[in-house]
Full PDB file with SEQRES, HELIX, SHEET, SSBOND, CRYST1, ORIGX, SCALE, CONECT and MASTER records, all heavy atoms in Angstrom:
SEQRES   1 A   45  ALA LEU VAL THR GLY GLY LEU GLY PHE LEU GLY GLN ALA          
SEQRES   2 A   45  VAL ALA HIS SER LEU ARG ARG ASP GLY TYR ARG VAL VAL          
SEQRES   3 A   45  GLY LEU GLY HIS GLY GLN ARG PRO ALA GLU GLU ILE ARG          
SEQRES   4 A   45  ALA ALA GLY PHE ASP ARG                                      
HELIX    1 AA1 PHE A    9  ARG A   20  1                                  12    
HELIX    2 AA2 ALA A   35  ALA A   40  1                                   6    
SHEET    1 AA1 2 LEU A   2  THR A   4  0                                        
SHEET    2 AA1 2 VAL A  26  LEU A  28  1                                        
CRYST1    1.000    1.000    1.000  90.00  90.00  90.00 P 1           1          
ORIGX1      1.000000  0.000000  0.000000        0.00000                         
ORIGX2      0.000000  1.000000  0.000000        0.00000                         
ORIGX3      0.000000  0.000000  1.000000        0.00000                         
SCALE1      1.000000  0.000000  0.000000        0.00000                         
SCALE2      0.000000  1.000000  0.000000        0.00000                         
SCALE3      0.000000  0.000000  1.000000        0.00000                         
ATOM      1  N   ALA A   1       0.845  -1.193  -0.003  1.00  0.00           N  
ATOM      2  CA  ALA A   1      -0.001  -0.001   0.000  1.00  0.00           C  
ATOM      3  C   ALA A   1       0.879   1.232   0.000  1.00  0.00           C  
ATOM      4  O   ALA A   1       1.932   1.269   0.636  1.00  0.00           O  
ATOM      5  CB  ALA A   1      -0.913   0.014   1.216  1.00  0.00           C  
ATOM      6  N   LEU A   2       0.432   2.268  -0.707  1.00  0.00           N  
ATOM      7  CA  LEU A   2       1.069   3.578  -0.696  1.00  0.00           C  
ATOM      8  C   LEU A   2       0.180   4.509   0.096  1.00  0.00           C  
ATOM      9  O   LEU A   2      -1.024   4.612  -0.161  1.00  0.00           O  
ATOM     10  CB  LEU A   2       1.245   4.100  -2.119  1.00  0.00           C  
ATOM     11  CG  LEU A   2       1.735   5.559  -2.235  1.00  0.00           C  
ATOM     12  CD1 LEU A   2       3.160   5.706  -1.717  1.00  0.00           C  
ATOM     13  CD2 LEU A   2       1.638   6.044  -3.687  1.00  0.00           C  
ATOM     14  N   VAL A   3       0.765   5.212   1.075  1.00  0.00           N  
ATOM     15  CA  VAL A   3       0.052   6.221   1.839  1.00  0.00           C  
ATOM     16  C   VAL A   3       0.737   7.561   1.593  1.00  0.00           C  
ATOM     17  O   VAL A   3       1.885   7.759   2.005  1.00  0.00           O  
ATOM     18  CB  VAL A   3       0.028   5.908   3.349  1.00  0.00           C  
ATOM     19  CG1 VAL A   3      -0.707   7.015   4.120  1.00  0.00           C  
ATOM     20  CG2 VAL A   3      -0.612   4.554   3.606  1.00  0.00           C  
ATOM     21  N   THR A   4       0.064   8.465   0.886  1.00  0.00           N  
ATOM     22  CA  THR A   4       0.625   9.792   0.666  1.00  0.00           C  
ATOM     23  C   THR A   4       0.261  10.686   1.867  1.00  0.00           C  
ATOM     24  O   THR A   4      -0.700  10.431   2.580  1.00  0.00           O  
ATOM     25  CB  THR A   4       0.089  10.427  -0.627  1.00  0.00           C  
ATOM     26  OG1 THR A   4      -1.311  10.739  -0.461  1.00  0.00           O  
ATOM     27  CG2 THR A   4       0.275   9.494  -1.817  1.00  0.00           C  
ATOM     28  N   GLY A   5       1.067  11.740   2.069  1.00  0.00           N  
ATOM     29  CA  GLY A   5       0.875  12.522   3.276  1.00  0.00           C  
ATOM     30  C   GLY A   5       1.083  11.655   4.504  1.00  0.00           C  
ATOM     31  O   GLY A   5       0.411  11.786   5.536  1.00  0.00           O  
ATOM     32  N   GLY A   6       2.048  10.754   4.419  1.00  0.00           N  
ATOM     33  CA  GLY A   6       2.185   9.673   5.383  1.00  0.00           C  
ATOM     34  C   GLY A   6       2.501  10.087   6.801  1.00  0.00           C  
ATOM     35  O   GLY A   6       2.127   9.384   7.741  1.00  0.00           O  
ATOM     36  N   LEU A   7       3.212  11.198   6.984  1.00  0.00           N  
ATOM     37  CA  LEU A   7       3.563  11.610   8.340  1.00  0.00           C  
ATOM     38  C   LEU A   7       2.537  12.562   8.924  1.00  0.00           C  
ATOM     39  O   LEU A   7       2.763  13.124  10.011  1.00  0.00           O  
ATOM     40  CB  LEU A   7       4.968  12.244   8.355  1.00  0.00           C  
ATOM     41  CG  LEU A   7       6.118  11.267   8.088  1.00  0.00           C  
ATOM     42  CD1 LEU A   7       7.466  11.989   8.174  1.00  0.00           C  
ATOM     43  CD2 LEU A   7       6.084  10.098   9.076  1.00  0.00           C  
ATOM     44  N   GLY A   8       1.429  12.772   8.223  1.00  0.00           N  
ATOM     45  CA  GLY A   8       0.347  13.572   8.766  1.00  0.00           C  
ATOM     46  C   GLY A   8      -0.427  12.812   9.835  1.00  0.00           C  
ATOM     47  O   GLY A   8      -0.205  11.623  10.086  1.00  0.00           O  
ATOM     48  N   PHE A   9      -1.357  13.513  10.458  1.00  0.00           N  
ATOM     49  CA  PHE A   9      -2.131  12.954  11.560  1.00  0.00           C  
ATOM     50  C   PHE A   9      -2.878  11.690  11.153  1.00  0.00           C  
ATOM     51  O   PHE A   9      -2.754  10.634  11.788  1.00  0.00           O  
ATOM     52  CB  PHE A   9      -3.101  14.018  12.055  1.00  0.00           C  
ATOM     53  CG  PHE A   9      -4.010  13.609  13.170  1.00  0.00           C  
ATOM     54  CD1 PHE A   9      -3.486  13.178  14.382  1.00  0.00           C  
ATOM     55  CD2 PHE A   9      -5.379  13.654  13.012  1.00  0.00           C  
ATOM     56  CE1 PHE A   9      -4.322  12.786  15.423  1.00  0.00           C  
ATOM     57  CE2 PHE A   9      -6.225  13.285  14.049  1.00  0.00           C  
ATOM     58  CZ  PHE A   9      -5.692  12.848  15.255  1.00  0.00           C  
ATOM     59  N   LEU A  10      -3.646  11.761  10.062  1.00  0.00           N  
ATOM     60  CA  LEU A  10      -4.381  10.595   9.592  1.00  0.00           C  
ATOM     61  C   LEU A  10      -3.468   9.587   8.928  1.00  0.00           C  
ATOM     62  O   LEU A  10      -3.635   8.381   9.085  1.00  0.00           O  
ATOM     63  CB  LEU A  10      -5.499  11.018   8.639  1.00  0.00           C  
ATOM     64  CG  LEU A  10      -6.359   9.905   8.047  1.00  0.00           C  
ATOM     65  CD1 LEU A  10      -7.055   9.101   9.153  1.00  0.00           C  
ATOM     66  CD2 LEU A  10      -7.390  10.481   7.078  1.00  0.00           C  
ATOM     67  N   GLY A  11      -2.470  10.067   8.178  1.00  0.00           N  
ATOM     68  CA  GLY A  11      -1.584   9.176   7.431  1.00  0.00           C  
ATOM     69  C   GLY A  11      -0.904   8.146   8.324  1.00  0.00           C  
ATOM     70  O   GLY A  11      -0.826   6.954   7.972  1.00  0.00           O  
ATOM     71  N   GLN A  12      -0.393   8.579   9.464  1.00  0.00           N  
ATOM     72  CA  GLN A  12       0.278   7.641  10.362  1.00  0.00           C  
ATOM     73  C   GLN A  12      -0.692   6.614  10.931  1.00  0.00           C  
ATOM     74  O   GLN A  12      -0.372   5.431  11.050  1.00  0.00           O  
ATOM     75  CB  GLN A  12       0.978   8.393  11.487  1.00  0.00           C  
ATOM     76  CG  GLN A  12       2.190   9.190  11.032  1.00  0.00           C  
ATOM     77  CD  GLN A  12       3.003   9.713  12.197  1.00  0.00           C  
ATOM     78  OE1 GLN A  12       3.436   8.974  13.058  1.00  0.00           O  
ATOM     79  NE2 GLN A  12       3.221  11.031  12.217  1.00  0.00           N  
ATOM     80  N   ALA A  13      -1.886   7.069  11.303  1.00  0.00           N  
ATOM     81  CA  ALA A  13      -2.881   6.138  11.838  1.00  0.00           C  
ATOM     82  C   ALA A  13      -3.264   5.108  10.788  1.00  0.00           C  
ATOM     83  O   ALA A  13      -3.428   3.910  11.088  1.00  0.00           O  
ATOM     84  CB  ALA A  13      -4.111   6.901  12.313  1.00  0.00           C  
ATOM     85  N   VAL A  14      -3.411   5.548   9.530  1.00  0.00           N  
ATOM     86  CA  VAL A  14      -3.734   4.621   8.434  1.00  0.00           C  
ATOM     87  C   VAL A  14      -2.612   3.615   8.242  1.00  0.00           C  
ATOM     88  O   VAL A  14      -2.857   2.409   8.066  1.00  0.00           O  
ATOM     89  CB  VAL A  14      -3.985   5.406   7.136  1.00  0.00           C  
ATOM     90  CG1 VAL A  14      -4.035   4.467   5.937  1.00  0.00           C  
ATOM     91  CG2 VAL A  14      -5.303   6.180   7.243  1.00  0.00           C  
ATOM     92  N   ALA A  15      -1.363   4.087   8.277  1.00  0.00           N  
ATOM     93  CA  ALA A  15      -0.219   3.187   8.089  1.00  0.00           C  
ATOM     94  C   ALA A  15      -0.220   2.070   9.130  1.00  0.00           C  
ATOM     95  O   ALA A  15      -0.002   0.893   8.806  1.00  0.00           O  
ATOM     96  CB  ALA A  15       1.086   3.989   8.146  1.00  0.00           C  
ATOM     97  N   HIS A  16      -0.464   2.431  10.381  1.00  0.00           N  
ATOM     98  CA  HIS A  16      -0.497   1.409  11.434  1.00  0.00           C  
ATOM     99  C   HIS A  16      -1.631   0.411  11.212  1.00  0.00           C  
ATOM    100  O   HIS A  16      -1.437  -0.803  11.391  1.00  0.00           O  
ATOM    101  CB  HIS A  16      -0.654   2.089  12.801  1.00  0.00           C  
ATOM    102  CG  HIS A  16       0.612   2.708  13.319  1.00  0.00           C  
ATOM    103  ND1 HIS A  16       1.721   1.967  13.660  1.00  0.00           N  
ATOM    104  CD2 HIS A  16       0.939   4.012  13.546  1.00  0.00           C  
ATOM    105  CE1 HIS A  16       2.686   2.775  14.084  1.00  0.00           C  
ATOM    106  NE2 HIS A  16       2.228   4.018  14.011  1.00  0.00           N  
ATOM    107  N   SER A  17      -2.801   0.900  10.813  1.00  0.00           N  
ATOM    108  CA  SER A  17      -3.939  -0.008  10.591  1.00  0.00           C  
ATOM    109  C   SER A  17      -3.665  -0.954   9.427  1.00  0.00           C  
ATOM    110  O   SER A  17      -3.996  -2.149   9.487  1.00  0.00           O  
ATOM    111  CB  SER A  17      -5.221   0.799  10.331  1.00  0.00           C  
ATOM    112  OG  SER A  17      -5.660   1.426  11.507  1.00  0.00           O  
ATOM    113  N   LEU A  18      -3.061  -0.441   8.361  1.00  0.00           N  
ATOM    114  CA  LEU A  18      -2.782  -1.290   7.207  1.00  0.00           C  
ATOM    115  C   LEU A  18      -1.690  -2.318   7.515  1.00  0.00           C  
ATOM    116  O   LEU A  18      -1.807  -3.486   7.104  1.00  0.00           O  
ATOM    117  CB  LEU A  18      -2.365  -0.426   6.013  1.00  0.00           C  
ATOM    118  CG  LEU A  18      -3.448   0.474   5.431  1.00  0.00           C  
ATOM    119  CD1 LEU A  18      -2.872   1.309   4.286  1.00  0.00           C  
ATOM    120  CD2 LEU A  18      -4.641  -0.340   4.934  1.00  0.00           C  
ATOM    121  N   ARG A  19      -0.670  -1.902   8.228  1.00  0.00           N  
ATOM    122  CA  ARG A  19       0.397  -2.860   8.553  1.00  0.00           C  
ATOM    123  C   ARG A  19      -0.129  -3.947   9.499  1.00  0.00           C  
ATOM    124  O   ARG A  19       0.259  -5.114   9.396  1.00  0.00           O  
ATOM    125  CB  ARG A  19       1.603  -2.141   9.154  1.00  0.00           C  
ATOM    126  CG  ARG A  19       2.859  -3.000   9.067  1.00  0.00           C  
ATOM    127  CD  ARG A  19       4.123  -2.211   9.119  1.00  0.00           C  
ATOM    128  NE  ARG A  19       4.361  -1.665  10.451  1.00  0.00           N  
ATOM    129  CZ  ARG A  19       5.452  -0.990  10.773  1.00  0.00           C  
ATOM    130  NH1 ARG A  19       6.376  -0.740   9.850  1.00  0.00           N  
ATOM    131  NH2 ARG A  19       5.630  -0.522  11.989  1.00  0.00           N  
ATOM    132  N   ARG A  20      -1.024  -3.582  10.390  1.00  0.00           N  
ATOM    133  CA  ARG A  20      -1.675  -4.574  11.260  1.00  0.00           C  
ATOM    134  C   ARG A  20      -2.418  -5.608  10.424  1.00  0.00           C  
ATOM    135  O   ARG A  20      -2.485  -6.783  10.796  1.00  0.00           O  
ATOM    136  CB  ARG A  20      -2.657  -3.852  12.183  1.00  0.00           C  
ATOM    137  CG  ARG A  20      -3.495  -4.749  13.091  1.00  0.00           C  
ATOM    138  CD  ARG A  20      -4.758  -4.038  13.500  1.00  0.00           C  
ATOM    139  NE  ARG A  20      -5.604  -3.747  12.342  1.00  0.00           N  
ATOM    140  CZ  ARG A  20      -6.554  -2.824  12.316  1.00  0.00           C  
ATOM    141  NH1 ARG A  20      -6.770  -2.060  13.376  1.00  0.00           N  
ATOM    142  NH2 ARG A  20      -7.290  -2.641  11.231  1.00  0.00           N  
ATOM    143  N   ASP A  21      -2.961  -5.161   9.269  1.00  0.00           N  
ATOM    144  CA  ASP A  21      -3.724  -6.057   8.393  1.00  0.00           C  
ATOM    145  C   ASP A  21      -2.842  -6.804   7.392  1.00  0.00           C  
ATOM    146  O   ASP A  21      -3.351  -7.475   6.490  1.00  0.00           O  
ATOM    147  CB  ASP A  21      -4.800  -5.274   7.640  1.00  0.00           C  
ATOM    148  CG  ASP A  21      -5.944  -4.852   8.548  1.00  0.00           C  
ATOM    149  OD1 ASP A  21      -5.973  -5.287   9.722  1.00  0.00           O  
ATOM    150  OD2 ASP A  21      -6.810  -4.089   8.095  1.00  0.00           O  
ATOM    151  N   GLY A  22      -1.534  -6.676   7.545  1.00  0.00           N  
ATOM    152  CA  GLY A  22      -0.620  -7.474   6.724  1.00  0.00           C  
ATOM    153  C   GLY A  22      -0.051  -6.787   5.506  1.00  0.00           C  
ATOM    154  O   GLY A  22       0.640  -7.429   4.706  1.00  0.00           O  
ATOM    155  N   TYR A  23      -0.308  -5.504   5.333  1.00  0.00           N  
ATOM    156  CA  TYR A  23       0.248  -4.772   4.199  1.00  0.00           C  
ATOM    157  C   TYR A  23       1.713  -4.407   4.434  1.00  0.00           C  
ATOM    158  O   TYR A  23       2.125  -4.150   5.574  1.00  0.00           O  
ATOM    159  CB  TYR A  23      -0.519  -3.479   3.952  1.00  0.00           C  
ATOM    160  CG  TYR A  23      -1.812  -3.630   3.200  1.00  0.00           C  
ATOM    161  CD1 TYR A  23      -3.005  -3.879   3.872  1.00  0.00           C  
ATOM    162  CD2 TYR A  23      -1.843  -3.537   1.801  1.00  0.00           C  
ATOM    163  CE1 TYR A  23      -4.196  -4.023   3.174  1.00  0.00           C  
ATOM    164  CE2 TYR A  23      -3.036  -3.674   1.110  1.00  0.00           C  
ATOM    165  CZ  TYR A  23      -4.199  -3.919   1.803  1.00  0.00           C  
ATOM    166  OH  TYR A  23      -5.371  -4.067   1.119  1.00  0.00           O  
ATOM    167  N   ARG A  24       2.438  -4.377   3.369  1.00  0.00           N  
ATOM    168  CA  ARG A  24       3.728  -3.674   3.352  1.00  0.00           C  
ATOM    169  C   ARG A  24       3.400  -2.232   2.980  1.00  0.00           C  
ATOM    170  O   ARG A  24       2.797  -1.984   1.943  1.00  0.00           O  
ATOM    171  CB  ARG A  24       4.663  -4.297   2.317  1.00  0.00           C  
ATOM    172  CG  ARG A  24       5.965  -3.518   2.117  1.00  0.00           C  
ATOM    173  CD  ARG A  24       6.862  -4.217   1.108  1.00  0.00           C  
ATOM    174  NE  ARG A  24       7.987  -3.358   0.746  1.00  0.00           N  
ATOM    175  CZ  ARG A  24       7.968  -2.485  -0.250  1.00  0.00           C  
ATOM    176  NH1 ARG A  24       6.883  -2.397  -1.029  1.00  0.00           N  
ATOM    177  NH2 ARG A  24       9.012  -1.725  -0.501  1.00  0.00           N  
ATOM    178  N   VAL A  25       3.774  -1.260   3.817  1.00  0.00           N  
ATOM    179  CA  VAL A  25       3.312   0.108   3.665  1.00  0.00           C  
ATOM    180  C   VAL A  25       4.459   1.025   3.251  1.00  0.00           C  
ATOM    181  O   VAL A  25       5.479   1.123   3.936  1.00  0.00           O  
ATOM    182  CB  VAL A  25       2.680   0.641   4.977  1.00  0.00           C  
ATOM    183  CG1 VAL A  25       2.092   2.026   4.744  1.00  0.00           C  
ATOM    184  CG2 VAL A  25       1.594  -0.315   5.459  1.00  0.00           C  
ATOM    185  N   VAL A  26       4.262   1.678   2.109  1.00  0.00           N  
ATOM    186  CA  VAL A  26       5.197   2.690   1.610  1.00  0.00           C  
ATOM    187  C   VAL A  26       4.606   4.059   1.883  1.00  0.00           C  
ATOM    188  O   VAL A  26       3.442   4.325   1.547  1.00  0.00           O  
ATOM    189  CB  VAL A  26       5.452   2.517   0.094  1.00  0.00           C  
ATOM    190  CG1 VAL A  26       6.389   3.616  -0.424  1.00  0.00           C  
ATOM    191  CG2 VAL A  26       6.028   1.131  -0.194  1.00  0.00           C  
ATOM    192  N   GLY A  27       5.380   4.926   2.508  1.00  0.00           N  
ATOM    193  CA  GLY A  27       4.914   6.278   2.804  1.00  0.00           C  
ATOM    194  C   GLY A  27       5.564   7.295   1.896  1.00  0.00           C  
ATOM    195  O   GLY A  27       6.745   7.174   1.549  1.00  0.00           O  
ATOM    196  N   LEU A  28       4.803   8.311   1.511  1.00  0.00           N  
ATOM    197  CA  LEU A  28       5.299   9.400   0.667  1.00  0.00           C  
ATOM    198  C   LEU A  28       4.835  10.712   1.250  1.00  0.00           C  
ATOM    199  O   LEU A  28       3.645  10.893   1.547  1.00  0.00           O  
ATOM    200  CB  LEU A  28       4.767   9.245  -0.768  1.00  0.00           C  
ATOM    201  CG  LEU A  28       4.992  10.404  -1.752  1.00  0.00           C  
ATOM    202  CD1 LEU A  28       6.469  10.708  -1.912  1.00  0.00           C  
ATOM    203  CD2 LEU A  28       4.358  10.071  -3.099  1.00  0.00           C  
ATOM    204  N   GLY A  29       5.777  11.631   1.443  1.00  0.00           N  
ATOM    205  CA  GLY A  29       5.397  12.933   1.988  1.00  0.00           C  
ATOM    206  C   GLY A  29       6.613  13.724   2.408  1.00  0.00           C  
ATOM    207  O   GLY A  29       7.737  13.408   2.025  1.00  0.00           O  
ATOM    208  N   HIS A  30       6.385  14.746   3.195  1.00  0.00           N  
ATOM    209  CA  HIS A  30       7.459  15.635   3.606  1.00  0.00           C  
ATOM    210  C   HIS A  30       8.030  15.201   4.953  1.00  0.00           C  
ATOM    211  O   HIS A  30       7.312  14.702   5.818  1.00  0.00           O  
ATOM    212  CB  HIS A  30       6.953  17.069   3.696  1.00  0.00           C  
ATOM    213  CG  HIS A  30       6.547  17.619   2.363  1.00  0.00           C  
ATOM    214  ND1 HIS A  30       5.377  18.302   2.166  1.00  0.00           N  
ATOM    215  CD2 HIS A  30       7.154  17.555   1.154  1.00  0.00           C  
ATOM    216  CE1 HIS A  30       5.284  18.658   0.900  1.00  0.00           C  
ATOM    217  NE2 HIS A  30       6.336  18.201   0.262  1.00  0.00           N  
ATOM    218  N   GLY A  31       9.324  15.421   5.113  1.00  0.00           N  
ATOM    219  CA  GLY A  31       9.984  15.130   6.373  1.00  0.00           C  
ATOM    220  C   GLY A  31      10.915  13.932   6.270  1.00  0.00           C  
ATOM    221  O   GLY A  31      10.523  12.875   5.769  1.00  0.00           O  
ATOM    222  N   GLN A  32      12.145  14.116   6.730  1.00  0.00           N  
ATOM    223  CA  GLN A  32      13.092  13.024   6.810  1.00  0.00           C  
ATOM    224  C   GLN A  32      13.237  12.610   8.266  1.00  0.00           C  
ATOM    225  O   GLN A  32      13.385  13.448   9.148  1.00  0.00           O  
ATOM    226  CB  GLN A  32      14.474  13.458   6.264  1.00  0.00           C  
ATOM    227  CG  GLN A  32      14.523  13.536   4.743  1.00  0.00           C  
ATOM    228  CD  GLN A  32      14.598  12.150   4.092  1.00  0.00           C  
ATOM    229  OE1 GLN A  32      14.267  11.153   4.726  1.00  0.00           O  
ATOM    230  NE2 GLN A  32      15.002  12.091   2.841  1.00  0.00           N  
ATOM    231  N   ARG A  33      13.151  11.342   8.522  1.00  0.00           N  
ATOM    232  CA  ARG A  33      13.257  10.809   9.876  1.00  0.00           C  
ATOM    233  C   ARG A  33      14.228   9.634   9.884  1.00  0.00           C  
ATOM    234  O   ARG A  33      14.406   8.957   8.873  1.00  0.00           O  
ATOM    235  CB  ARG A  33      11.887  10.321  10.370  1.00  0.00           C  
ATOM    236  CG  ARG A  33      10.773  11.356  10.284  1.00  0.00           C  
ATOM    237  CD  ARG A  33      10.822  12.348  11.417  1.00  0.00           C  
ATOM    238  NE  ARG A  33       9.779  13.357  11.289  1.00  0.00           N  
ATOM    239  CZ  ARG A  33       8.522  13.198  11.709  1.00  0.00           C  
ATOM    240  NH1 ARG A  33       8.161  12.062  12.261  1.00  0.00           N  
ATOM    241  NH2 ARG A  33       7.632  14.164  11.566  1.00  0.00           N  
ATOM    242  N   PRO A  34      14.829   9.362  11.031  1.00  0.00           N  
ATOM    243  CA  PRO A  34      15.654   8.143  11.140  1.00  0.00           C  
ATOM    244  C   PRO A  34      14.820   6.904  10.860  1.00  0.00           C  
ATOM    245  O   PRO A  34      13.599   6.889  11.058  1.00  0.00           O  
ATOM    246  CB  PRO A  34      16.134   8.184  12.606  1.00  0.00           C  
ATOM    247  CG  PRO A  34      16.028   9.612  13.017  1.00  0.00           C  
ATOM    248  CD  PRO A  34      14.866  10.163  12.264  1.00  0.00           C  
ATOM    249  N   ALA A  35      15.497   5.852  10.437  1.00  0.00           N  
ATOM    250  CA  ALA A  35      14.801   4.631  10.033  1.00  0.00           C  
ATOM    251  C   ALA A  35      13.920   4.074  11.132  1.00  0.00           C  
ATOM    252  O   ALA A  35      12.804   3.603  10.875  1.00  0.00           O  
ATOM    253  CB  ALA A  35      15.825   3.577   9.593  1.00  0.00           C  
ATOM    254  N   GLU A  36      14.374   4.153  12.384  1.00  0.00           N  
ATOM    255  CA  GLU A  36      13.573   3.599  13.470  1.00  0.00           C  
ATOM    256  C   GLU A  36      12.297   4.414  13.698  1.00  0.00           C  
ATOM    257  O   GLU A  36      11.240   3.863  14.053  1.00  0.00           O  
ATOM    258  CB  GLU A  36      14.380   3.536  14.771  1.00  0.00           C  
ATOM    259  CG  GLU A  36      14.895   4.851  15.312  1.00  0.00           C  
ATOM    260  CD  GLU A  36      16.260   5.238  14.733  1.00  0.00           C  
ATOM    261  OE1 GLU A  36      16.666   4.647  13.720  1.00  0.00           O  
ATOM    262  OE2 GLU A  36      16.908   6.126  15.323  1.00  0.00           O  
ATOM    263  N   GLU A  37      12.359   5.722  13.446  1.00  0.00           N  
ATOM    264  CA  GLU A  37      11.153   6.553  13.574  1.00  0.00           C  
ATOM    265  C   GLU A  37      10.168   6.273  12.435  1.00  0.00           C  
ATOM    266  O   GLU A  37       8.945   6.291  12.649  1.00  0.00           O  
ATOM    267  CB  GLU A  37      11.525   8.037  13.598  1.00  0.00           C  
ATOM    268  CG  GLU A  37      12.212   8.479  14.872  1.00  0.00           C  
ATOM    269  CD  GLU A  37      12.381   9.985  14.945  1.00  0.00           C  
ATOM    270  OE1 GLU A  37      11.629  10.709  14.248  1.00  0.00           O  
ATOM    271  OE2 GLU A  37      13.274  10.441  15.687  1.00  0.00           O  
ATOM    272  N   ILE A  38      10.702   6.034  11.244  1.00  0.00           N  
ATOM    273  CA  ILE A  38       9.839   5.696  10.114  1.00  0.00           C  
ATOM    274  C   ILE A  38       9.110   4.381  10.398  1.00  0.00           C  
ATOM    275  O   ILE A  38       7.898   4.268  10.156  1.00  0.00           O  
ATOM    276  CB  ILE A  38      10.675   5.579   8.822  1.00  0.00           C  
ATOM    277  CG1 ILE A  38      11.192   6.960   8.399  1.00  0.00           C  
ATOM    278  CG2 ILE A  38       9.861   4.945   7.707  1.00  0.00           C  
ATOM    279  CD1 ILE A  38      10.116   7.978   8.103  1.00  0.00           C  
ATOM    280  N   ARG A  39       9.826   3.434  10.926  1.00  0.00           N  
ATOM    281  CA  ARG A  39       9.205   2.148  11.253  1.00  0.00           C  
ATOM    282  C   ARG A  39       8.156   2.330  12.349  1.00  0.00           C  
ATOM    283  O   ARG A  39       7.047   1.773  12.267  1.00  0.00           O  
ATOM    284  CB  ARG A  39      10.281   1.175  11.734  1.00  0.00           C  
ATOM    285  CG  ARG A  39       9.774  -0.239  12.011  1.00  0.00           C  
ATOM    286  CD  ARG A  39       9.516  -0.987  10.733  1.00  0.00           C  
ATOM    287  NE  ARG A  39       9.007  -2.329  11.000  1.00  0.00           N  
ATOM    288  CZ  ARG A  39       8.641  -3.194  10.078  1.00  0.00           C  
ATOM    289  NH1 ARG A  39       8.712  -2.852   8.801  1.00  0.00           N  
ATOM    290  NH2 ARG A  39       8.199  -4.388  10.389  1.00  0.00           N  
ATOM    291  N   ALA A  40       8.473   3.138  13.345  1.00  0.00           N  
ATOM    292  CA  ALA A  40       7.535   3.386  14.435  1.00  0.00           C  
ATOM    293  C   ALA A  40       6.289   4.119  13.946  1.00  0.00           C  
ATOM    294  O   ALA A  40       5.213   3.988  14.537  1.00  0.00           O  
ATOM    295  CB  ALA A  40       8.215   4.178  15.544  1.00  0.00           C  
ATOM    296  N   ALA A  41       6.436   4.897  12.872  1.00  0.00           N  
ATOM    297  CA  ALA A  41       5.297   5.625  12.301  1.00  0.00           C  
ATOM    298  C   ALA A  41       4.400   4.739  11.457  1.00  0.00           C  
ATOM    299  O   ALA A  41       3.345   5.178  10.989  1.00  0.00           O  
ATOM    300  CB  ALA A  41       5.783   6.814  11.472  1.00  0.00           C  
ATOM    301  N   GLY A  42       4.823   3.484  11.227  1.00  0.00           N  
ATOM    302  CA  GLY A  42       3.981   2.534  10.517  1.00  0.00           C  
ATOM    303  C   GLY A  42       4.427   2.184   9.112  1.00  0.00           C  
ATOM    304  O   GLY A  42       3.706   1.506   8.392  1.00  0.00           O  
ATOM    305  N   PHE A  43       5.651   2.620   8.727  1.00  0.00           N  
ATOM    306  CA  PHE A  43       6.078   2.445   7.345  1.00  0.00           C  
ATOM    307  C   PHE A  43       7.236   1.468   7.203  1.00  0.00           C  
ATOM    308  O   PHE A  43       8.155   1.433   8.016  1.00  0.00           O  
ATOM    309  CB  PHE A  43       6.487   3.800   6.745  1.00  0.00           C  
ATOM    310  CG  PHE A  43       5.347   4.785   6.719  1.00  0.00           C  
ATOM    311  CD1 PHE A  43       5.271   5.785   7.670  1.00  0.00           C  
ATOM    312  CD2 PHE A  43       4.346   4.679   5.775  1.00  0.00           C  
ATOM    313  CE1 PHE A  43       4.210   6.674   7.675  1.00  0.00           C  
ATOM    314  CE2 PHE A  43       3.278   5.565   5.774  1.00  0.00           C  
ATOM    315  CZ  PHE A  43       3.215   6.573   6.726  1.00  0.00           C  
ATOM    316  N   ASP A  44       7.176   0.690   6.107  1.00  0.00           N  
ATOM    317  CA  ASP A  44       8.277  -0.192   5.756  1.00  0.00           C  
ATOM    318  C   ASP A  44       9.281   0.516   4.838  1.00  0.00           C  
ATOM    319  O   ASP A  44      10.449   0.121   4.783  1.00  0.00           O  
ATOM    320  CB  ASP A  44       7.723  -1.430   5.041  1.00  0.00           C  
ATOM    321  CG  ASP A  44       6.789  -2.215   5.949  1.00  0.00           C  
ATOM    322  OD1 ASP A  44       7.290  -2.946   6.813  1.00  0.00           O  
ATOM    323  OD2 ASP A  44       5.556  -2.072   5.800  1.00  0.00           O  
ATOM    324  N   ARG A  45       8.796   1.515   4.137  1.00  0.00           N  
ATOM    325  CA  ARG A  45       9.666   2.324   3.283  1.00  0.00           C  
ATOM    326  C   ARG A  45       9.145   3.755   3.301  1.00  0.00           C  
ATOM    327  O   ARG A  45       7.933   3.966   3.308  1.00  0.00           O  
ATOM    328  CB  ARG A  45       9.670   1.795   1.838  1.00  0.00           C  
ATOM    329  CG  ARG A  45      10.516   2.646   0.871  1.00  0.00           C  
ATOM    330  CD  ARG A  45      10.321   2.210  -0.582  1.00  0.00           C  
ATOM    331  NE  ARG A  45      11.059   3.075  -1.496  1.00  0.00           N  
ATOM    332  CZ  ARG A  45      10.925   3.061  -2.829  1.00  0.00           C  
ATOM    333  NH1 ARG A  45      10.086   2.205  -3.400  1.00  0.00           N  
ATOM    334  NH2 ARG A  45      11.633   3.887  -3.580  1.00  0.00           N  
TER     335      ARG A  45                                                      
MASTER        0    0    0    2    2    0    0    6  334    1    0    4          
END                                                                             
């Protein structure tokens, strides 16, 4: 799944819900974060 605006309020919540359901989640948006923060936000990439 691709989630645009991924680090936004809804985007992060969506990423967590999709990953819980077995998706590999790619996020696209503004902001650079360390890899561990990206993973914690719900994204695989």
